[in-house]
Amino acid sequence: MPKQKTIKALSLLLVVAGLIAVMMPVAVTFTPHTAAAAARTYQSKGSQENDRNLYETCRLKKVERTEESVMCIYRRQSGDKDEVLSNEDPSAACQRQFQCKRIN
């Protein structure tokens, strides 16, 4: 049969261990911590925030082929000045449309 002092010592040890197990997470939660991540500052890009206003659709208007190159002429959606792209490969194909930069 275990002695009375041993039982009291074990029960006291269990009570203390239980209190430590409960109080340790609480103490860690409420202690102040320093942030380890670097701070970032974000800046606005001004008028370029909306990219939809910077581009328009250019559609193929005419193809001019020579022995040395191909010139693809595109009509802008807004009707302004035509966009001209050239390629040195005479067998190159022109794409039907693309998003070209708007001229203001």
PDB file of N, CA and C in Angstrom:
ATOM      1  N   MET A   1       0.819  -1.165   0.000  1.00  0.00           N
ATOM      2  CA  MET A   1       0.000   0.000   0.000  1.00  0.00           C
ATOM      3  C   MET A   1       0.876   1.246   0.000  1.00  0.00           C
ATOM      4  N   PRO A   2       0.585   2.242  -0.934  1.00  0.00           N
ATOM      5  CA  PRO A   2       1.429   3.429  -0.977  1.00  0.00           C
ATOM      6  C   PRO A   2       1.239   4.279   0.277  1.00  0.00           C
ATOM      7  N   LYS A   3       2.256   4.958   0.587  1.00  0.00           N
ATOM      8  CA  LYS A   3       2.225   5.788   1.776  1.00  0.00           C
ATOM      9  C   LYS A   3       1.409   7.043   1.520  1.00  0.00           C
ATOM     10  N   GLN A   4       0.857   7.599   2.546  1.00  0.00           N
ATOM     11  CA  GLN A   4       0.006   8.789   2.478  1.00  0.00           C
ATOM     12  C   GLN A   4       0.779   9.990   1.953  1.00  0.00           C
ATOM     13  N   LYS A   5       2.049  10.139   2.327  1.00  0.00           N
ATOM     14  CA  LYS A   5       2.872  11.271   1.884  1.00  0.00           C
ATOM     15  C   LYS A   5       3.139  11.192   0.379  1.00  0.00           C
ATOM     16  N   THR A   6       3.342   9.985  -0.117  1.00  0.00           N
ATOM     17  CA  THR A   6       3.617   9.795  -1.542  1.00  0.00           C
ATOM     18  C   THR A   6       2.384  10.163  -2.364  1.00  0.00           C
ATOM     19  N   ILE A   7       1.208   9.789  -1.884  1.00  0.00           N
ATOM     20  CA  ILE A   7      -0.027  10.106  -2.592  1.00  0.00           C
ATOM     21  C   ILE A   7      -0.247  11.620  -2.612  1.00  0.00           C
ATOM     22  N   LYS A   8      -0.011  12.278  -1.484  1.00  0.00           N
ATOM     23  CA  LYS A   8      -0.167  13.731  -1.416  1.00  0.00           C
ATOM     24  C   LYS A   8       0.836  14.429  -2.329  1.00  0.00           C
ATOM     25  N   ALA A   9       2.056  13.935  -2.370  1.00  0.00           N
ATOM     26  CA  ALA A   9       3.081  14.537  -3.212  1.00  0.00           C
ATOM     27  C   ALA A   9       2.731  14.376  -4.697  1.00  0.00           C
ATOM     28  N   LEU A  10       2.241  13.185  -5.054  1.00  0.00           N
ATOM     29  CA  LEU A  10       1.849  12.950  -6.451  1.00  0.00           C
ATOM     30  C   LEU A  10       0.649  13.807  -6.839  1.00  0.00           C
ATOM     31  N   SER A  11      -0.325  13.941  -5.952  1.00  0.00           N
ATOM     32  CA  SER A  11      -1.494  14.755  -6.274  1.00  0.00           C
ATOM     33  C   SER A  11      -1.106  16.232  -6.385  1.00  0.00           C
ATOM     34  N   LEU A  12      -0.218  16.695  -5.509  1.00  0.00           N
ATOM     35  CA  LEU A  12       0.262  18.071  -5.591  1.00  0.00           C
ATOM     36  C   LEU A  12       1.022  18.293  -6.895  1.00  0.00           C
ATOM     37  N   LEU A  13       1.825  17.328  -7.289  1.00  0.00           N
ATOM     38  CA  LEU A  13       2.581  17.412  -8.537  1.00  0.00           C
ATOM     39  C   LEU A  13       1.631  17.466  -9.745  1.00  0.00           C
ATOM     40  N   LEU A  14       0.567  16.672  -9.728  1.00  0.00           N
ATOM     41  CA  LEU A  14      -0.409  16.686 -10.818  1.00  0.00           C
ATOM     42  C   LEU A  14      -1.156  18.012 -10.879  1.00  0.00           C
ATOM     43  N   VAL A  15      -1.496  18.578  -9.736  1.00  0.00           N
ATOM     44  CA  VAL A  15      -2.190  19.861  -9.705  1.00  0.00           C
ATOM     45  C   VAL A  15      -1.292  20.960 -10.262  1.00  0.00           C
ATOM     46  N   VAL A  16      -0.033  20.981  -9.864  1.00  0.00           N
ATOM     47  CA  VAL A  16       0.907  21.993 -10.343  1.00  0.00           C
ATOM     48  C   VAL A  16       1.134  21.834 -11.848  1.00  0.00           C
ATOM     49  N   ALA A  17       1.279  20.602 -12.319  1.00  0.00           N
ATOM     50  CA  ALA A  17       1.481  20.354 -13.755  1.00  0.00           C
ATOM     51  C   ALA A  17       0.246  20.796 -14.544  1.00  0.00           C
ATOM     52  N   GLY A  18      -0.943  20.559 -14.015  1.00  0.00           N
ATOM     53  CA  GLY A  18      -2.173  20.986 -14.679  1.00  0.00           C
ATOM     54  C   GLY A  18      -2.269  22.498 -14.758  1.00  0.00           C
ATOM     55  N   LEU A  19      -1.907  23.182 -13.680  1.00  0.00           N
ATOM     56  CA  LEU A  19      -1.929  24.644 -13.687  1.00  0.00           C
ATOM     57  C   LEU A  19      -0.928  25.209 -14.696  1.00  0.00           C
ATOM     58  N   ILE A  20       0.233  24.609 -14.760  1.00  0.00           N
ATOM     59  CA  ILE A  20       1.244  25.062 -15.735  1.00  0.00           C
ATOM     60  C   ILE A  20       0.739  24.818 -17.154  1.00  0.00           C
ATOM     61  N   ALA A  21       0.106  23.667 -17.387  1.00  0.00           N
ATOM     62  CA  ALA A  21      -0.406  23.353 -18.727  1.00  0.00           C
ATOM     63  C   ALA A  21      -1.515  24.307 -19.144  1.00  0.00           C
ATOM     64  N   VAL A  22      -2.295  24.808 -18.194  1.00  0.00           N
ATOM     65  CA  VAL A  22      -3.369  25.736 -18.517  1.00  0.00           C
ATOM     66  C   VAL A  22      -2.855  27.163 -18.625  1.00  0.00           C
ATOM     67  N   MET A  23      -1.970  27.559 -17.747  1.00  0.00           N
ATOM     68  CA  MET A  23      -1.521  28.947 -17.697  1.00  0.00           C
ATOM     69  C   MET A  23      -0.487  29.288 -18.775  1.00  0.00           C
ATOM     70  N   MET A  24       0.288  28.323 -19.240  1.00  0.00           N
ATOM     71  CA  MET A  24       1.342  28.599 -20.224  1.00  0.00           C
ATOM     72  C   MET A  24       0.776  29.128 -21.543  1.00  0.00           C
ATOM     73  N   PRO A  25      -0.237  28.498 -22.159  1.00  0.00           N
ATOM     74  CA  PRO A  25      -0.794  29.069 -23.398  1.00  0.00           C
ATOM     75  C   PRO A  25      -1.432  30.435 -23.186  1.00  0.00           C
ATOM     76  N   VAL A  26      -2.051  30.645 -22.028  1.00  0.00           N
ATOM     77  CA  VAL A  26      -2.659  31.938 -21.737  1.00  0.00           C
ATOM     78  C   VAL A  26      -1.581  33.007 -21.639  1.00  0.00           C
ATOM     79  N   ALA A  27      -0.483  32.694 -20.968  1.00  0.00           N
ATOM     80  CA  ALA A  27       0.611  33.661 -20.814  1.00  0.00           C
ATOM     81  C   ALA A  27       1.260  33.973 -22.165  1.00  0.00           C
ATOM     82  N   VAL A  28       1.427  32.963 -23.016  1.00  0.00           N
ATOM     83  CA  VAL A  28       2.040  33.180 -24.323  1.00  0.00           C
ATOM     84  C   VAL A  28       1.115  34.020 -25.211  1.00  0.00           C
ATOM     85  N   THR A  29      -0.184  33.817 -25.087  1.00  0.00           N
ATOM     86  CA  THR A  29      -1.147  34.554 -25.901  1.00  0.00           C
ATOM     87  C   THR A  29      -1.149  36.038 -25.576  1.00  0.00           C
ATOM     88  N   PHE A  30      -1.051  36.382 -24.312  1.00  0.00           N
ATOM     89  CA  PHE A  30      -1.188  37.776 -23.903  1.00  0.00           C
ATOM     90  C   PHE A  30       0.133  38.534 -23.800  1.00  0.00           C
ATOM     91  N   THR A  31       1.253  37.899 -24.052  1.00  0.00           N
ATOM     92  CA  THR A  31       2.517  38.638 -24.036  1.00  0.00           C
ATOM     93  C   THR A  31       2.702  39.317 -25.391  1.00  0.00           C
ATOM     94  N   PRO A  32       3.212  40.542 -25.403  1.00  0.00           N
ATOM     95  CA  PRO A  32       3.395  41.253 -26.672  1.00  0.00           C
ATOM     96  C   PRO A  32       4.522  40.629 -27.500  1.00  0.00           C
ATOM     97  N   HIS A  33       4.302  40.566 -28.810  1.00  0.00           N
ATOM     98  CA  HIS A  33       5.292  40.017 -29.737  1.00  0.00           C
ATOM     99  C   HIS A  33       5.679  41.086 -30.746  1.00  0.00           C
ATOM    100  N   THR A  34       6.894  41.035 -31.219  1.00  0.00           N
ATOM    101  CA  THR A  34       7.321  41.954 -32.274  1.00  0.00           C
ATOM    102  C   THR A  34       7.107  41.275 -33.621  1.00  0.00           C
ATOM    103  N   ALA A  35       6.714  42.055 -34.599  1.00  0.00           N
ATOM    104  CA  ALA A  35       6.483  41.514 -35.942  1.00  0.00           C
ATOM    105  C   ALA A  35       7.821  41.296 -36.632  1.00  0.00           C
ATOM    106  N   ALA A  36       7.942  40.174 -37.312  1.00  0.00           N
ATOM    107  CA  ALA A  36       9.186  39.851 -37.991  1.00  0.00           C
ATOM    108  C   ALA A  36       9.134  40.169 -39.487  1.00  0.00           C
ATOM    109  N   ALA A  37       7.951  40.477 -40.018  1.00  0.00           N
ATOM    110  CA  ALA A  37       7.813  40.731 -41.450  1.00  0.00           C
ATOM    111  C   ALA A  37       8.169  42.184 -41.778  1.00  0.00           C
ATOM    112  N   ALA A  38       8.688  42.378 -42.969  1.00  0.00           N
ATOM    113  CA  ALA A  38       9.033  43.727 -43.417  1.00  0.00           C
ATOM    114  C   ALA A  38       7.775  44.476 -43.833  1.00  0.00           C
ATOM    115  N   ALA A  39       7.743  45.755 -43.611  1.00  0.00           N
ATOM    116  CA  ALA A  39       6.594  46.576 -43.991  1.00  0.00           C
ATOM    117  C   ALA A  39       6.680  46.929 -45.469  1.00  0.00           C
ATOM    118  N   ARG A  40       5.532  47.035 -46.120  1.00  0.00           N
ATOM    119  CA  ARG A  40       5.479  47.393 -47.536  1.00  0.00           C
ATOM    120  C   ARG A  40       4.585  48.605 -47.715  1.00  0.00           C
ATOM    121  N   THR A  41       4.982  49.474 -48.622  1.00  0.00           N
ATOM    122  CA  THR A  41       4.191  50.645 -48.946  1.00  0.00           C
ATOM    123  C   THR A  41       3.765  50.522 -50.402  1.00  0.00           C
ATOM    124  N   TYR A  42       2.474  50.580 -50.637  1.00  0.00           N
ATOM    125  CA  TYR A  42       1.952  50.475 -51.992  1.00  0.00           C
ATOM    126  C   TYR A  42       1.567  51.861 -52.496  1.00  0.00           C
ATOM    127  N   GLN A  43       1.947  52.147 -53.737  1.00  0.00           N
ATOM    128  CA  GLN A  43       1.659  53.449 -54.318  1.00  0.00           C
ATOM    129  C   GLN A  43       0.752  53.287 -55.528  1.00  0.00           C
ATOM    130  N   SER A  44      -0.086  54.258 -55.729  1.00  0.00           N
ATOM    131  CA  SER A  44      -0.987  54.257 -56.864  1.00  0.00           C
ATOM    132  C   SER A  44      -0.212  54.563 -58.141  1.00  0.00           C
ATOM    133  N   LYS A  45      -0.669  53.998 -59.245  1.00  0.00           N
ATOM    134  CA  LYS A  45      -0.024  54.245 -60.529  1.00  0.00           C
ATOM    135  C   LYS A  45      -0.655  55.419 -61.261  1.00  0.00           C
ATOM    136  N   GLY A  46      -1.486  56.155 -60.588  1.00  0.00           N
ATOM    137  CA  GLY A  46      -2.097  57.337 -61.190  1.00  0.00           C
ATOM    138  C   GLY A  46      -3.159  56.978 -62.194  1.00  0.00           C
ATOM    139  N   SER A  47      -3.062  57.519 -63.402  1.00  0.00           N
ATOM    140  CA  SER A  47      -4.096  57.325 -64.414  1.00  0.00           C
ATOM    141  C   SER A  47      -4.039  55.938 -65.043  1.00  0.00           C
ATOM    142  N   GLN A  48      -3.019  55.154 -64.770  1.00  0.00           N
ATOM    143  CA  GLN A  48      -2.886  53.835 -65.377  1.00  0.00           C
ATOM    144  C   GLN A  48      -3.567  52.742 -64.565  1.00  0.00           C
ATOM    145  N   GLU A  49      -4.368  53.093 -63.583  1.00  0.00           N
ATOM    146  CA  GLU A  49      -5.029  52.076 -62.775  1.00  0.00           C
ATOM    147  C   GLU A  49      -6.009  51.261 -63.601  1.00  0.00           C
ATOM    148  N   ASN A  50      -6.707  51.866 -64.533  1.00  0.00           N
ATOM    149  CA  ASN A  50      -7.652  51.164 -65.365  1.00  0.00           C
ATOM    150  C   ASN A  50      -7.022  50.911 -66.732  1.00  0.00           C
ATOM    151  N   ASP A  51      -6.550  49.682 -66.974  1.00  0.00           N
ATOM    152  CA  ASP A  51      -5.859  49.353 -68.220  1.00  0.00           C
ATOM    153  C   ASP A  51      -6.806  49.273 -69.415  1.00  0.00           C
ATOM    154  N   ARG A  52      -8.093  49.195 -69.185  1.00  0.00           N
ATOM    155  CA  ARG A  52      -9.038  49.104 -70.300  1.00  0.00           C
ATOM    156  C   ARG A  52      -9.003  50.359 -71.157  1.00  0.00           C
ATOM    157  N   ASN A  53      -8.656  51.493 -70.586  1.00  0.00           N
ATOM    158  CA  ASN A  53      -8.642  52.745 -71.332  1.00  0.00           C
ATOM    159  C   ASN A  53      -7.338  52.956 -72.100  1.00  0.00           C
ATOM    160  N   LEU A  54      -6.357  52.101 -71.909  1.00  0.00           N
ATOM    161  CA  LEU A  54      -5.065  52.281 -72.566  1.00  0.00           C
ATOM    162  C   LEU A  54      -4.964  51.543 -73.900  1.00  0.00           C
ATOM    163  N   TYR A  55      -5.844  50.567 -74.142  1.00  0.00           N
ATOM    164  CA  TYR A  55      -5.760  49.748 -75.348  1.00  0.00           C
ATOM    165  C   TYR A  55      -7.083  49.757 -76.101  1.00  0.00           C
ATOM    166  N   GLU A  56      -6.999  49.524 -77.405  1.00  0.00           N
ATOM    167  CA  GLU A  56      -8.177  49.394 -78.242  1.00  0.00           C
ATOM    168  C   GLU A  56      -7.929  48.272 -79.240  1.00  0.00           C
ATOM    169  N   THR A  57      -8.962  47.823 -79.916  1.00  0.00           N
ATOM    170  CA  THR A  57      -8.841  46.723 -80.868  1.00  0.00           C
ATOM    171  C   THR A  57      -8.396  47.247 -82.230  1.00  0.00           C
ATOM    172  N   CYS A  58      -7.377  46.625 -82.785  1.00  0.00           N
ATOM    173  CA  CYS A  58      -6.928  46.930 -84.149  1.00  0.00           C
ATOM    174  C   CYS A  58      -7.228  45.701 -85.008  1.00  0.00           C
ATOM    175  N   ARG A  59      -7.974  45.918 -86.123  1.00  0.00           N
ATOM    176  CA  ARG A  59      -8.366  44.814 -87.001  1.00  0.00           C
ATOM    177  C   ARG A  59      -7.645  44.932 -88.344  1.00  0.00           C
ATOM    178  N   LEU A  60      -7.311  43.781 -88.912  1.00  0.00           N
ATOM    179  CA  LEU A  60      -6.571  43.739 -90.173  1.00  0.00           C
ATOM    180  C   LEU A  60      -7.362  44.413 -91.287  1.00  0.00           C
ATOM    181  N   LYS A  61      -6.704  45.360 -91.955  1.00  0.00           N
ATOM    182  CA  LYS A  61      -7.323  46.122 -93.038  1.00  0.00           C
ATOM    183  C   LYS A  61      -6.774  45.670 -94.390  1.00  0.00           C
ATOM    184  N   LYS A  62      -5.425  45.567 -94.474  1.00  0.00           N
ATOM    185  CA  LYS A  62      -4.794  45.240 -95.752  1.00  0.00           C
ATOM    186  C   LYS A  62      -3.444  44.576 -95.500  1.00  0.00           C
ATOM    187  N   VAL A  63      -3.050  43.673 -96.411  1.00  0.00           N
ATOM    188  CA  VAL A  63      -1.742  43.019 -96.361  1.00  0.00           C
ATOM    189  C   VAL A  63      -1.000  43.357 -97.641  1.00  0.00           C
ATOM    190  N   GLU A  64       0.219  43.883 -97.513  1.00  0.00           N
ATOM    191  CA  GLU A  64       1.058  44.192 -98.672  1.00  0.00           C
ATOM    192  C   GLU A  64       2.292  43.317 -98.614  1.00  0.00           C
ATOM    193  N   ARG A  65       2.442  42.467 -99.637  1.00  0.00           N
ATOM    194  CA  ARG A  65       3.583  41.541 -99.685  1.00  0.00           C
ATOM    195  C   ARG A  65       4.563  41.977-100.764  1.00  0.00           C
ATOM    196  N   THR A  66       5.840  41.912-100.424  1.00  0.00           N
ATOM    197  CA  THR A  66       6.912  42.112-101.395  1.00  0.00           C
ATOM    198  C   THR A  66       7.790  40.862-101.345  1.00  0.00           C
ATOM    199  N   GLU A  67       8.829  40.842-102.146  1.00  0.00           N
ATOM    200  CA  GLU A  67       9.715  39.683-102.140  1.00  0.00           C
ATOM    201  C   GLU A  67      10.520  39.582-100.847  1.00  0.00           C
ATOM    202  N   GLU A  68      10.735  40.704-100.167  1.00  0.00           N
ATOM    203  CA  GLU A  68      11.562  40.702 -98.957  1.00  0.00           C
ATOM    204  C   GLU A  68      10.767  40.761 -97.653  1.00  0.00           C
ATOM    205  N   SER A  69       9.522  41.254 -97.691  1.00  0.00           N
ATOM    206  CA  SER A  69       8.821  41.466 -96.431  1.00  0.00           C
ATOM    207  C   SER A  69       7.304  41.448 -96.611  1.00  0.00           C
ATOM    208  N   VAL A  70       6.624  41.524 -95.469  1.00  0.00           N
ATOM    209  CA  VAL A  70       5.161  41.608 -95.435  1.00  0.00           C
ATOM    210  C   VAL A  70       4.801  42.798 -94.554  1.00  0.00           C
ATOM    211  N   MET A  71       3.877  43.633 -95.041  1.00  0.00           N
ATOM    212  CA  MET A  71       3.385  44.751 -94.228  1.00  0.00           C
ATOM    213  C   MET A  71       1.919  44.498 -93.908  1.00  0.00           C
ATOM    214  N   CYS A  72       1.590  44.477 -92.612  1.00  0.00           N
ATOM    215  CA  CYS A  72       0.222  44.275 -92.155  1.00  0.00           C
ATOM    216  C   CYS A  72      -0.313  45.634 -91.708  1.00  0.00           C
ATOM    217  N   ILE A  73      -1.400  46.080 -92.301  1.00  0.00           N
ATOM    218  CA  ILE A  73      -1.984  47.385 -91.975  1.00  0.00           C
ATOM    219  C   ILE A  73      -3.288  47.129 -91.218  1.00  0.00           C
ATOM    220  N   TYR A  74      -3.386  47.738 -90.054  1.00  0.00           N
ATOM    221  CA  TYR A  74      -4.535  47.529 -89.170  1.00  0.00           C
ATOM    222  C   TYR A  74      -5.308  48.827 -88.988  1.00  0.00           C
ATOM    223  N   ARG A  75      -6.640  48.722 -88.935  1.00  0.00           N
ATOM    224  CA  ARG A  75      -7.506  49.861 -88.656  1.00  0.00           C
ATOM    225  C   ARG A  75      -7.835  49.858 -87.169  1.00  0.00           C
ATOM    226  N   ARG A  76      -7.683  51.037 -86.563  1.00  0.00           N
ATOM    227  CA  ARG A  76      -7.986  51.165 -85.134  1.00  0.00           C
ATOM    228  C   ARG A  76      -9.485  51.194 -84.908  1.00  0.00           C
ATOM    229  N   GLN A  77      -9.901  50.757 -83.729  1.00  0.00           N
ATOM    230  CA  GLN A  77     -11.305  50.764 -83.348  1.00  0.00           C
ATOM    231  C   GLN A  77     -11.845  52.198 -83.291  1.00  0.00           C
ATOM    232  N   SER A  78     -10.996  53.137 -82.868  1.00  0.00           N
ATOM    233  CA  SER A  78     -11.425  54.533 -82.745  1.00  0.00           C
ATOM    234  C   SER A  78     -11.429  55.253 -84.097  1.00  0.00           C
ATOM    235  N   GLY A  79     -10.832  54.661 -85.119  1.00  0.00           N
ATOM    236  CA  GLY A  79     -10.810  55.274 -86.441  1.00  0.00           C
ATOM    237  C   GLY A  79      -9.654  56.231 -86.648  1.00  0.00           C
ATOM    238  N   ASP A  80      -8.753  56.335 -85.683  1.00  0.00           N
ATOM    239  CA  ASP A  80      -7.598  57.227 -85.836  1.00  0.00           C
ATOM    240  C   ASP A  80      -6.604  56.639 -86.832  1.00  0.00           C
ATOM    241  N   LYS A  81      -5.382  57.088 -86.745  1.00  0.00           N
ATOM    242  CA  LYS A  81      -4.297  56.668 -87.632  1.00  0.00           C
ATOM    243  C   LYS A  81      -4.138  55.140 -87.615  1.00  0.00           C
ATOM    244  N   ASP A  82      -3.905  54.557 -88.821  1.00  0.00           N
ATOM    245  CA  ASP A  82      -3.743  53.105 -88.932  1.00  0.00           C
ATOM    246  C   ASP A  82      -2.441  52.645 -88.274  1.00  0.00           C
ATOM    247  N   GLU A  83      -2.429  51.410 -87.819  1.00  0.00           N
ATOM    248  CA  GLU A  83      -1.245  50.776 -87.224  1.00  0.00           C
ATOM    249  C   GLU A  83      -0.604  49.907 -88.301  1.00  0.00           C
ATOM    250  N   VAL A  84       0.708  50.050 -88.500  1.00  0.00           N
ATOM    251  CA  VAL A  84       1.410  49.292 -89.531  1.00  0.00           C
ATOM    252  C   VAL A  84       2.487  48.448 -88.862  1.00  0.00           C
ATOM    253  N   LEU A  85       2.441  47.132 -89.119  1.00  0.00           N
ATOM    254  CA  LEU A  85       3.456  46.210 -88.611  1.00  0.00           C
ATOM    255  C   LEU A  85       4.108  45.537 -89.810  1.00  0.00           C
ATOM    256  N   SER A  86       5.418  45.392 -89.758  1.00  0.00           N
ATOM    257  CA  SER A  86       6.108  44.745 -90.877  1.00  0.00           C
ATOM    258  C   SER A  86       6.920  43.567 -90.362  1.00  0.00           C
ATOM    259  N   ASN A  87       7.092  42.598 -91.257  1.00  0.00           N
ATOM    260  CA  ASN A  87       7.851  41.402 -90.937  1.00  0.00           C
ATOM    261  C   ASN A  87       8.771  41.111 -92.112  1.00  0.00           C
ATOM    262  N   GLU A  88      10.010  40.757 -91.825  1.00  0.00           N
ATOM    263  CA  GLU A  88      10.981  40.520 -92.898  1.00  0.00           C
ATOM    264  C   GLU A  88      10.794  39.171 -93.579  1.00  0.00           C
ATOM    265  N   ASP A  89       9.990  38.310 -93.024  1.00  0.00           N
ATOM    266  CA  ASP A  89       9.725  37.000 -93.629  1.00  0.00           C
ATOM    267  C   ASP A  89       8.547  37.134 -94.602  1.00  0.00           C
ATOM    268  N   PRO A  90       8.757  36.938 -95.910  1.00  0.00           N
ATOM    269  CA  PRO A  90       7.668  37.146 -96.875  1.00  0.00           C
ATOM    270  C   PRO A  90       6.543  36.118 -96.755  1.00  0.00           C
ATOM    271  N   SER A  91       6.781  35.005 -96.089  1.00  0.00           N
ATOM    272  CA  SER A  91       5.727  33.993 -95.950  1.00  0.00           C
ATOM    273  C   SER A  91       4.982  34.115 -94.618  1.00  0.00           C
ATOM    274  N   ALA A  92       5.281  35.127 -93.831  1.00  0.00           N
ATOM    275  CA  ALA A  92       4.632  35.304 -92.532  1.00  0.00           C
ATOM    276  C   ALA A  92       3.167  35.711 -92.709  1.00  0.00           C
ATOM    277  N   ALA A  93       2.329  35.233 -91.808  1.00  0.00           N
ATOM    278  CA  ALA A  93       0.905  35.573 -91.852  1.00  0.00           C
ATOM    279  C   ALA A  93       0.622  36.717 -90.884  1.00  0.00           C
ATOM    280  N   CYS A  94      -0.397  37.506 -91.191  1.00  0.00           N
ATOM    281  CA  CYS A  94      -0.807  38.601 -90.318  1.00  0.00           C
ATOM    282  C   CYS A  94      -1.967  38.122 -89.451  1.00  0.00           C
ATOM    283  N   GLN A  95      -1.920  38.454 -88.192  1.00  0.00           N
ATOM    284  CA  GLN A  95      -3.051  38.071 -87.346  1.00  0.00           C
ATOM    285  C   GLN A  95      -4.238  38.977 -87.642  1.00  0.00           C
ATOM    286  N   ARG A  96      -5.444  38.467 -87.402  1.00  0.00           N
ATOM    287  CA  ARG A  96      -6.659  39.190 -87.802  1.00  0.00           C
ATOM    288  C   ARG A  96      -6.907  40.426 -86.952  1.00  0.00           C
ATOM    289  N   GLN A  97      -6.640  40.353 -85.645  1.00  0.00           N
ATOM    290  CA  GLN A  97      -6.820  41.521 -84.771  1.00  0.00           C
ATOM    291  C   GLN A  97      -5.946  41.364 -83.542  1.00  0.00           C
ATOM    292  N   PHE A  98      -5.691  42.479 -82.853  1.00  0.00           N
ATOM    293  CA  PHE A  98      -4.939  42.471 -81.613  1.00  0.00           C
ATOM    294  C   PHE A  98      -5.261  43.734 -80.841  1.00  0.00           C
ATOM    295  N   GLN A  99      -4.848  43.792 -79.588  1.00  0.00           N
ATOM    296  CA  GLN A  99      -5.063  44.969 -78.740  1.00  0.00           C
ATOM    297  C   GLN A  99      -3.871  45.905 -78.920  1.00  0.00           C
ATOM    298  N   CYS A 100      -4.098  47.041 -79.559  1.00  0.00           N
ATOM    299  CA  CYS A 100      -3.021  48.002 -79.777  1.00  0.00           C
ATOM    300  C   CYS A 100      -3.179  49.166 -78.794  1.00  0.00           C
ATOM    301  N   LYS A 101      -2.081  49.857 -78.566  1.00  0.00           N
ATOM    302  CA  LYS A 101      -2.094  50.973 -77.639  1.00  0.00           C
ATOM    303  C   LYS A 101      -2.867  52.143 -78.207  1.00  0.00           C
ATOM    304  N   ARG A 102      -3.708  52.731 -77.386  1.00  0.00           N
ATOM    305  CA  ARG A 102      -4.535  53.867 -77.810  1.00  0.00           C
ATOM    306  C   ARG A 102      -3.662  55.119 -77.964  1.00  0.00           C
ATOM    307  N   ILE A 103      -3.887  55.883 -79.027  1.00  0.00           N
ATOM    308  CA  ILE A 103      -3.159  57.138 -79.226  1.00  0.00           C
ATOM    309  C   ILE A 103      -4.108  58.278 -78.853  1.00  0.00           C
ATOM    310  N   ASN A 104      -3.616  59.182 -78.050  1.00  0.00           N
ATOM    311  CA  ASN A 104      -4.448  60.341 -77.655  1.00  0.00           C
ATOM    312  C   ASN A 104      -3.803  61.621 -78.087  1.00  0.00           C
TER     313      ASN A 104
END
